[in-house]
Amino acid sequence: MLWAQQYDEVVWLDSNSYGAQNYPEYDAILAVEAFTSIKTDYYGAFDKLEEYQNTTKDWVFGYLSYDLKNDIERLQSNNDDGLGFPDLQFLQPKKLFLLKEGKLTMLYLPMCDDEMKEDWTAISNLQSSIYNFQSSFPPLSIKLKIHKDAYKRKVEQMLKHIQRGDIYEANFCQEFYAHGTIDPVQTYMNLNRISCPPFATYLKLDEHYLLSATPERYLKKKGETLISSPIKGTAARGTNDKEDNALAKALSQDPKERSENVMIVDLVRNDLSRIAKKGSVTVAELCKVYPFKQVHQMISTVSCKIGLGISPVDAIRATFPMGSMTGAPKVRAMQIIEQLEESKRGLYSGAVGYFTPDGDFDFNVIIRSILYNAQENYVSYSVGGAITAKSDPDKEYAECLLKAKAMRAVLEEKS
């Protein structure tokens, strides 16, 4: 990844050797330097992506922002946007590195394949220790877009919608932000070291950066099979094995956390059923608790066989945005989310991933992530939680702070 910083476009995906579940297809992927690309707002975005993917017929990498919801439904995104990322951006890389089970495959487009040997020599000679230092940039002063009392009032409003029967559940998010400068590579490395998630992502597209420690898969396609693994339910890690096991057990038995998870599983099943072969939607795993470095997470896995004539982009269009970041019913939840949140989500709670030449794909969910616009010197991270009838505003706020812990620690480190 350090070698790749010479390029304006970099996509680094790292599984961190997470072996507790059948997670990413590759141990790590690096894609650099765009040969072709697509960048657009939400209007007609999925049609444009489908045309690009069909025309390219190659590996393409990029992101889908949450606000692509406006291309699928009659929705809007009018909240404040300090980041200014395009709604969708993908690229066909000139150089691609695939690491799997200790084997590295290098795929170069013909116009630059004569550079392969020179590049490998440069990568082999690079010393990662050049980034083993504290950043010279001053620590940031983090600000809240929604302060605690306002957050609690908004959760109470969300609960009124639930009590009226408008929705059963909604994911309510808040932004933390700062004006300043960061070292994106060092920030990513520090965040990844703290969290070690299975879907770590470093994305550099000119002045726009994503530094992600997400643990969640949105959707994967391999052959005829689609797999989604929504996360709902979070608990802290313990200070010793006994306490840690007790916290994991408590999470697995918590009726509120389980109800959150089950509601989203039902939403995902419903989304997949629209594009699946009849009778093929199954819940392979329900409400299983997995340990991550900083938190325990409750994860379910839903799969299906993709229906005849359904394109890869159709599968994404039918299920986007992911249920774990919206609510149920999905469209009404997104309407209420837009009314109560203060910030445009953008890439947060969207997805980053790739399509293969044969139409398979794998996309994560952008949570536990830092977003940075280097031109505007704007740094942002958002966190959220599922609000249900049993939600307590104080506990929801505390859960948000737990989820934000790693990002805040990284950004507030002293030089």
Protein backbone atom coordinates (compact mmCIF):
# COMPACT_ATOMS: atom_id res chain seq x y z
CA MET A 1 0.00 0.00 0.00
CA LEU A 2 2.87 2.42 0.73
CA TRP A 3 4.28 1.89 -2.77
CA ALA A 4 0.87 2.78 -4.22
CA GLN A 5 0.87 6.32 -2.84
CA GLN A 6 2.55 7.60 -6.00
CA TYR A 7 -0.80 7.17 -7.79
CA ASP A 8 -3.91 9.39 -7.66
CA GLU A 9 -6.24 6.39 -7.46
CA VAL A 10 -5.62 3.67 -4.88
CA VAL A 11 -7.93 0.94 -3.56
CA TRP A 12 -6.59 -1.29 -0.77
CA LEU A 13 -8.81 -4.00 0.72
CA ASP A 14 -7.44 -6.04 3.64
CA SER A 15 -9.11 -8.97 5.41
CA ASN A 16 -6.56 -8.85 8.26
CA SER A 17 -6.51 -12.66 8.12
CA TYR A 18 -9.87 -12.70 9.91
CA GLY A 19 -10.74 -16.37 10.03
CA ALA A 20 -13.83 -16.51 12.24
CA GLN A 21 -16.16 -16.49 9.25
CA ASN A 22 -15.96 -17.06 5.50
CA TYR A 23 -15.23 -13.40 4.82
CA PRO A 24 -13.49 -11.83 1.81
CA GLU A 25 -12.57 -13.84 -1.27
CA TYR A 26 -8.98 -12.57 -1.07
CA ASP A 27 -6.62 -11.94 1.83
CA ALA A 28 -5.82 -8.52 0.37
CA ILE A 29 -6.32 -6.59 -2.87
CA LEU A 30 -4.51 -3.57 -4.22
CA ALA A 31 -5.75 -1.71 -7.32
CA VAL A 32 -3.99 1.42 -8.61
CA GLU A 33 -4.06 3.97 -11.42
CA ALA A 34 -7.30 4.36 -13.35
CA PHE A 35 -7.32 3.41 -17.02
CA THR A 36 -11.04 4.17 -17.31
CA SER A 37 -13.42 5.51 -14.68
CA ILE A 38 -16.96 6.65 -13.97
CA LYS A 39 -17.98 9.41 -11.56
CA THR A 40 -21.55 10.64 -11.21
CA ASP A 41 -24.27 11.99 -8.96
CA TYR A 42 -27.21 9.78 -7.99
CA TYR A 43 -29.42 10.54 -11.02
CA GLY A 44 -29.46 7.45 -13.23
CA ALA A 45 -26.41 6.19 -11.36
CA PHE A 46 -27.24 2.47 -11.42
CA ASP A 47 -27.96 2.51 -15.14
CA LYS A 48 -24.64 4.27 -15.73
CA LEU A 49 -22.83 1.75 -13.52
CA GLU A 50 -24.41 -1.17 -15.36
CA GLU A 51 -23.37 0.27 -18.72
CA TYR A 52 -19.84 0.86 -17.42
CA GLN A 53 -19.51 -2.61 -15.95
CA ASN A 54 -20.87 -4.28 -19.10
CA THR A 55 -18.66 -2.21 -21.39
CA THR A 56 -15.48 -2.66 -19.37
CA LYS A 57 -15.83 -6.41 -18.77
CA ASP A 58 -12.83 -6.18 -16.44
CA TRP A 59 -12.05 -5.75 -12.76
CA VAL A 60 -13.60 -2.47 -11.59
CA PHE A 61 -13.34 -1.00 -8.09
CA GLY A 62 -15.22 1.79 -6.41
CA TYR A 63 -17.96 2.92 -4.12
CA LEU A 64 -21.71 3.40 -3.84
CA SER A 65 -22.76 6.24 -1.55
CA TYR A 66 -25.82 5.95 0.68
CA ASP A 67 -27.47 8.74 -1.31
CA LEU A 68 -27.93 6.46 -4.32
CA LYS A 69 -31.20 5.70 -2.52
CA ASN A 70 -32.48 8.73 -4.44
CA ASP A 71 -31.96 6.88 -7.73
CA ILE A 72 -33.98 3.90 -6.50
CA GLU A 73 -36.83 5.62 -4.65
CA ARG A 74 -38.41 9.08 -4.64
CA LEU A 75 -36.14 10.34 -1.88
CA GLN A 76 -33.88 13.33 -1.34
CA SER A 77 -30.65 14.19 0.48
CA ASN A 78 -30.76 17.80 1.65
CA ASN A 79 -28.66 17.69 4.81
CA ASP A 80 -25.31 19.42 5.28
CA ASP A 81 -22.39 17.94 3.31
CA GLY A 82 -18.90 18.98 4.32
CA LEU A 83 -17.14 16.20 2.40
CA GLY A 84 -18.34 16.68 -1.17
CA PHE A 85 -17.73 13.15 -2.45
CA PRO A 86 -19.41 12.16 -5.74
CA ASP A 87 -22.38 9.84 -5.21
CA LEU A 88 -20.77 7.01 -7.20
CA GLN A 89 -17.24 6.45 -8.43
CA PHE A 90 -15.60 3.40 -10.03
CA LEU A 91 -12.35 2.77 -11.87
CA GLN A 92 -10.73 0.12 -14.03
CA PRO A 93 -7.18 -0.17 -12.65
CA LYS A 94 -4.10 -0.47 -14.80
CA LYS A 95 -2.37 -2.50 -12.09
CA LEU A 96 -3.98 -5.06 -9.80
CA PHE A 97 -2.52 -7.23 -7.03
CA LEU A 98 -4.48 -10.17 -5.58
CA LEU A 99 -3.19 -11.95 -2.46
CA LYS A 100 -4.76 -15.27 -1.50
CA GLU A 101 -3.38 -18.01 0.75
CA GLY A 102 0.17 -16.70 0.44
CA LYS A 103 0.07 -16.44 -3.35
CA LEU A 104 0.31 -13.05 -5.04
CA THR A 105 -1.15 -12.57 -8.53
CA MET A 106 -0.25 -9.42 -10.47
CA LEU A 107 -2.61 -8.42 -13.28
CA TYR A 108 -1.48 -5.52 -15.47
CA LEU A 109 -3.20 -4.06 -18.51
CA PRO A 110 -1.17 -4.55 -21.72
CA MET A 111 -0.05 -0.91 -21.99
CA CYS A 112 1.92 -1.19 -18.74
CA ASP A 113 2.72 -4.89 -18.29
CA ASP A 114 6.37 -4.17 -19.08
CA GLU A 115 6.52 -2.31 -15.73
CA MET A 116 5.66 -5.39 -13.68
CA LYS A 117 9.20 -6.49 -12.89
CA GLU A 118 10.35 -2.97 -12.03
CA ASP A 119 7.33 -2.45 -9.77
CA TRP A 120 7.89 -5.73 -7.94
CA THR A 121 11.51 -4.81 -7.29
CA ALA A 122 10.42 -1.43 -5.88
CA ILE A 123 7.77 -3.06 -3.68
CA SER A 124 10.20 -5.69 -2.41
CA ASN A 125 12.76 -3.05 -1.46
CA LEU A 126 10.28 -0.75 0.26
CA GLN A 127 10.67 -0.55 4.01
CA SER A 128 7.35 -0.25 5.83
CA SER A 129 9.24 1.31 8.72
CA ILE A 130 9.20 4.61 6.87
CA TYR A 131 5.68 5.05 8.23
CA ASN A 132 6.42 3.95 11.78
CA PHE A 133 6.33 7.44 13.22
CA GLN A 134 3.89 9.86 14.75
CA SER A 135 2.35 12.31 12.30
CA SER A 136 3.73 15.84 12.36
CA PHE A 137 0.21 17.23 11.99
CA PRO A 138 -1.38 18.58 15.18
CA PRO A 139 -4.18 16.54 16.81
CA LEU A 140 -7.66 17.50 15.69
CA SER A 141 -10.37 19.08 17.78
CA ILE A 142 -13.43 16.92 17.18
CA LYS A 143 -16.82 18.62 17.03
CA LEU A 144 -20.29 17.11 17.24
CA LYS A 145 -22.93 17.86 14.64
CA ILE A 146 -25.59 16.74 17.15
CA HIS A 147 -24.91 17.28 20.86
CA LYS A 148 -26.10 14.79 23.46
CA ASP A 149 -29.33 16.52 24.50
CA ALA A 150 -30.35 17.11 20.88
CA TYR A 151 -29.49 13.50 20.05
CA LYS A 152 -31.74 12.26 22.84
CA ARG A 153 -34.60 14.51 21.66
CA LYS A 154 -34.25 13.15 18.14
CA VAL A 155 -34.30 9.57 19.41
CA GLU A 156 -37.50 10.41 21.29
CA GLN A 157 -38.98 11.67 18.00
CA MET A 158 -37.91 8.43 16.33
CA LEU A 159 -39.62 6.48 19.12
CA LYS A 160 -42.84 8.40 18.51
CA HIS A 161 -42.75 7.28 14.88
CA ILE A 162 -42.33 3.71 16.09
CA GLN A 163 -45.18 4.03 18.59
CA ARG A 164 -47.46 5.37 15.84
CA GLY A 165 -46.58 2.40 13.66
CA ASP A 166 -44.81 4.41 10.96
CA ILE A 167 -41.75 2.17 11.29
CA TYR A 168 -40.53 -0.75 13.38
CA GLU A 169 -36.87 0.21 13.41
CA ALA A 170 -34.54 2.84 11.96
CA ASN A 171 -30.80 3.39 11.99
CA PHE A 172 -30.17 6.89 13.33
CA CYS A 173 -26.69 8.36 12.76
CA GLN A 174 -24.70 11.38 13.85
CA GLU A 175 -21.56 12.99 12.48
CA PHE A 176 -18.37 13.99 14.28
CA TYR A 177 -16.12 16.31 12.31
CA ALA A 178 -13.05 18.53 12.36
CA HIS A 179 -11.32 21.09 10.18
CA GLY A 180 -7.67 20.24 9.75
CA THR A 181 -5.06 18.11 8.01
CA ILE A 182 -4.23 14.46 8.54
CA ASP A 183 -1.77 11.95 7.10
CA PRO A 184 -4.20 9.52 5.43
CA VAL A 185 -1.78 6.57 5.30
CA GLN A 186 -0.71 6.86 8.90
CA THR A 187 -4.28 7.44 10.04
CA TYR A 188 -5.45 4.33 8.20
CA MET A 189 -2.60 2.24 9.61
CA ASN A 190 -3.35 3.37 13.17
CA LEU A 191 -7.07 2.72 12.75
CA ASN A 192 -6.50 -0.71 11.24
CA ARG A 193 -4.04 -1.64 14.00
CA ILE A 194 -6.61 -0.74 16.66
CA SER A 195 -9.52 -2.57 15.01
CA CYS A 196 -8.15 -5.31 12.67
CA PRO A 197 -11.50 -5.82 10.88
CA PRO A 198 -12.18 -8.23 8.00
CA PHE A 199 -13.10 -5.46 5.54
CA ALA A 200 -10.44 -2.81 6.17
CA THR A 201 -10.31 -0.32 3.31
CA TYR A 202 -7.99 2.45 2.22
CA LEU A 203 -9.45 4.41 -0.68
CA LYS A 204 -7.71 7.35 -2.34
CA LEU A 205 -9.41 9.09 -5.26
CA ASP A 206 -7.57 12.34 -5.87
CA GLU A 207 -8.35 14.56 -2.85
CA HIS A 208 -11.00 12.20 -1.42
CA TYR A 209 -9.98 9.53 1.11
CA LEU A 210 -11.76 6.72 2.93
CA LEU A 211 -9.96 5.11 5.87
CA SER A 212 -12.18 2.28 7.01
CA ALA A 213 -12.18 -0.34 9.73
CA THR A 214 -15.52 -1.84 8.82
CA PRO A 215 -16.40 -5.36 10.01
CA GLU A 216 -19.52 -5.74 7.85
CA ARG A 217 -20.25 -7.27 4.47
CA TYR A 218 -23.08 -5.77 2.45
CA LEU A 219 -23.39 -8.18 -0.43
CA LYS A 220 -21.25 -10.76 -2.20
CA LYS A 221 -21.94 -12.60 -5.45
CA LYS A 222 -20.06 -15.74 -6.36
CA GLY A 223 -21.49 -17.62 -9.29
CA GLU A 224 -25.23 -17.92 -8.69
CA THR A 225 -24.98 -17.31 -4.95
CA LEU A 226 -25.64 -13.99 -3.19
CA ILE A 227 -24.58 -13.57 0.45
CA SER A 228 -25.44 -10.74 2.83
CA SER A 229 -24.22 -10.54 6.45
CA PRO A 230 -25.96 -7.73 8.33
CA ILE A 231 -24.64 -6.63 11.71
CA LYS A 232 -27.02 -5.51 14.42
CA GLY A 233 -26.03 -5.75 18.07
CA THR A 234 -22.88 -4.42 19.72
CA ALA A 235 -21.19 -4.99 23.08
CA ALA A 236 -17.84 -3.96 24.55
CA ARG A 237 -14.94 -6.39 24.98
CA GLY A 238 -13.97 -7.44 28.48
CA THR A 239 -10.69 -6.82 30.28
CA ASN A 240 -10.19 -10.57 30.88
CA ASP A 241 -11.50 -13.83 29.41
CA LYS A 242 -14.19 -14.31 32.06
CA GLU A 243 -15.60 -10.83 31.65
CA ASP A 244 -15.28 -11.00 27.85
CA ASN A 245 -17.18 -14.29 27.63
CA ALA A 246 -19.89 -12.91 29.93
CA LEU A 247 -20.33 -9.82 27.76
CA ALA A 248 -20.56 -11.95 24.60
CA LYS A 249 -23.12 -14.26 26.21
CA ALA A 250 -25.17 -11.30 27.43
CA LEU A 251 -25.22 -9.84 23.93
CA SER A 252 -26.32 -13.16 22.41
CA GLN A 253 -29.24 -13.34 24.86
CA ASP A 254 -30.24 -9.66 24.87
CA PRO A 255 -33.87 -9.51 23.64
CA LYS A 256 -33.55 -5.96 22.28
CA GLU A 257 -30.37 -6.71 20.33
CA ARG A 258 -31.81 -9.95 18.96
CA SER A 259 -35.04 -8.23 17.90
CA GLU A 260 -32.99 -5.55 16.08
CA ASN A 261 -31.05 -8.23 14.25
CA VAL A 262 -34.08 -10.35 13.36
CA MET A 263 -35.95 -7.34 11.95
CA ILE A 264 -33.05 -6.54 9.64
CA VAL A 265 -32.72 -10.19 8.64
CA ASP A 266 -36.38 -10.10 7.60
CA LEU A 267 -35.71 -6.92 5.59
CA VAL A 268 -32.71 -8.52 3.84
CA ARG A 269 -34.73 -11.66 3.11
CA ASN A 270 -37.43 -9.49 1.57
CA ASP A 271 -34.92 -7.55 -0.55
CA LEU A 272 -33.25 -10.71 -1.80
CA SER A 273 -36.56 -12.42 -2.55
CA ARG A 274 -37.21 -9.83 -5.28
CA ILE A 275 -34.23 -11.09 -7.31
CA ALA A 276 -33.82 -14.67 -6.08
CA LYS A 277 -34.81 -17.98 -7.56
CA LYS A 278 -38.05 -19.04 -5.93
CA GLY A 279 -37.54 -20.74 -2.59
CA SER A 280 -33.78 -20.16 -2.50
CA VAL A 281 -33.59 -17.47 0.21
CA THR A 282 -32.19 -19.02 3.39
CA VAL A 283 -30.88 -17.77 6.73
CA ALA A 284 -27.60 -19.61 7.11
CA GLU A 285 -26.81 -18.07 10.47
CA LEU A 286 -28.98 -16.08 12.89
CA CYS A 287 -27.78 -13.75 15.64
CA LYS A 288 -24.34 -15.26 16.12
CA VAL A 289 -21.90 -13.20 18.19
CA TYR A 290 -18.41 -12.67 16.75
CA PRO A 291 -15.44 -11.12 18.55
CA PHE A 292 -13.58 -8.18 17.03
CA LYS A 293 -10.66 -6.37 18.54
CA GLN A 294 -12.70 -3.61 20.18
CA VAL A 295 -16.28 -4.91 20.26
CA HIS A 296 -18.46 -8.00 20.03
CA GLN A 297 -20.91 -7.95 17.10
CA MET A 298 -24.08 -9.90 16.45
CA ILE A 299 -24.09 -11.07 12.82
CA SER A 300 -26.57 -12.99 10.71
CA THR A 301 -26.01 -14.39 7.21
CA VAL A 302 -28.68 -14.56 4.52
CA SER A 303 -28.11 -16.14 1.12
CA CYS A 304 -29.97 -16.98 -2.08
CA LYS A 305 -29.55 -18.11 -5.67
CA ILE A 306 -29.79 -15.19 -8.07
CA GLY A 307 -32.75 -15.26 -10.43
CA LEU A 308 -32.49 -15.84 -14.16
CA GLY A 309 -31.75 -12.65 -16.09
CA ILE A 310 -30.80 -10.63 -13.00
CA SER A 311 -27.60 -8.70 -13.66
CA PRO A 312 -24.98 -8.03 -10.97
CA VAL A 313 -25.97 -4.35 -10.83
CA ASP A 314 -29.66 -5.33 -10.63
CA ALA A 315 -28.84 -7.39 -7.52
CA ILE A 316 -27.25 -4.37 -5.88
CA ARG A 317 -30.02 -1.99 -6.98
CA ALA A 318 -32.67 -4.27 -5.46
CA THR A 319 -30.98 -4.45 -2.06
CA PHE A 320 -29.39 -0.98 -1.68
CA PRO A 321 -28.95 0.70 0.73
CA MET A 322 -28.28 -2.19 3.06
CA GLY A 323 -30.94 -2.97 5.65
CA SER A 324 -28.61 -2.68 8.61
CA MET A 325 -28.15 1.05 7.88
CA THR A 326 -31.76 1.92 7.03
CA GLY A 327 -34.66 0.31 8.87
CA ALA A 328 -38.07 -1.25 8.37
CA PRO A 329 -40.16 -0.53 6.42
CA LYS A 330 -37.17 0.59 4.42
CA VAL A 331 -38.45 3.57 2.43
CA ARG A 332 -40.37 5.16 5.31
CA ALA A 333 -37.38 4.66 7.59
CA MET A 334 -35.13 6.47 5.11
CA GLN A 335 -37.60 9.36 4.93
CA ILE A 336 -37.60 9.75 8.71
CA ILE A 337 -33.81 9.38 8.86
CA GLU A 338 -33.45 12.28 6.43
CA GLN A 339 -35.73 14.45 8.57
CA LEU A 340 -33.93 13.80 11.85
CA GLU A 341 -30.26 13.53 10.88
CA GLU A 342 -28.19 16.70 10.43
CA SER A 343 -25.59 15.49 7.90
CA LYS A 344 -25.72 14.00 4.43
CA ARG A 345 -24.40 10.47 4.85
CA GLY A 346 -22.55 10.29 1.54
CA LEU A 347 -20.11 7.40 1.52
CA TYR A 348 -20.80 6.64 5.19
CA SER A 349 -23.24 3.68 5.27
CA GLY A 350 -22.63 3.17 1.57
CA ALA A 351 -20.37 0.44 0.22
CA VAL A 352 -16.91 -0.10 -1.27
CA GLY A 353 -15.94 -3.12 -3.32
CA TYR A 354 -15.34 -4.55 -6.76
CA PHE A 355 -16.73 -6.42 -9.74
CA THR A 356 -14.74 -9.21 -11.39
CA PRO A 357 -14.61 -9.70 -15.18
CA ASP A 358 -17.17 -12.55 -14.93
CA GLY A 359 -19.67 -10.47 -12.95
CA ASP A 360 -18.99 -11.63 -9.40
CA PHE A 361 -18.65 -8.92 -6.76
CA ASP A 362 -18.01 -8.24 -3.09
CA PHE A 363 -18.99 -5.05 -1.24
CA ASN A 364 -18.62 -4.03 2.38
CA VAL A 365 -20.65 -1.60 4.51
CA ILE A 366 -18.90 1.68 5.27
CA ILE A 367 -19.06 2.03 9.05
CA ARG A 368 -16.28 2.58 11.64
CA SER A 369 -14.63 4.82 9.03
CA ILE A 370 -12.91 8.17 8.65
CA LEU A 371 -13.64 10.26 5.56
CA TYR A 372 -11.32 13.07 4.49
CA ASN A 373 -11.46 15.78 1.86
CA ALA A 374 -7.85 16.95 1.63
CA GLN A 375 -8.72 19.95 -0.52
CA GLU A 376 -11.27 21.28 1.97
CA ASN A 377 -9.32 20.09 5.06
CA TYR A 378 -12.48 18.44 6.31
CA VAL A 379 -12.34 15.24 8.38
CA SER A 380 -15.46 13.30 9.33
CA TYR A 381 -16.64 10.11 10.95
CA SER A 382 -20.21 9.07 11.71
CA VAL A 383 -21.75 6.46 13.96
CA GLY A 384 -25.26 5.23 14.51
CA GLY A 385 -27.48 2.63 16.02
CA ALA A 386 -30.78 0.89 15.49
CA ILE A 387 -33.71 2.55 17.26
CA THR A 388 -36.53 0.19 18.22
CA ALA A 389 -39.49 0.40 20.61
CA LYS A 390 -37.24 -0.80 23.45
CA SER A 391 -34.48 1.76 22.84
CA ASP A 392 -33.28 3.94 25.69
CA PRO A 393 -31.82 7.27 24.43
CA ASP A 394 -29.00 7.28 27.00
CA LYS A 395 -27.95 3.72 26.15
CA GLU A 396 -28.13 4.45 22.42
CA TYR A 397 -25.86 7.45 22.88
CA ALA A 398 -23.41 5.37 24.90
CA GLU A 399 -23.36 2.74 22.13
CA CYS A 400 -22.54 5.46 19.59
CA LEU A 401 -19.58 6.60 21.70
CA LEU A 402 -18.36 2.99 21.92
CA LYS A 403 -18.50 2.64 18.14
CA ALA A 404 -16.70 5.97 17.71
CA LYS A 405 -13.91 5.14 20.14
CA ALA A 406 -11.31 3.94 17.62
CA MET A 407 -11.82 6.80 15.15
CA ARG A 408 -11.66 9.43 17.85
CA ALA A 409 -8.55 7.91 19.41
CA VAL A 410 -6.74 7.92 16.08
CA LEU A 411 -7.66 11.50 15.21
CA GLU A 412 -6.90 12.94 18.62
CA GLU A 413 -3.48 11.33 18.98
CA LYS A 414 -0.83 13.89 19.84
CA SER A 415 2.07 14.36 17.49
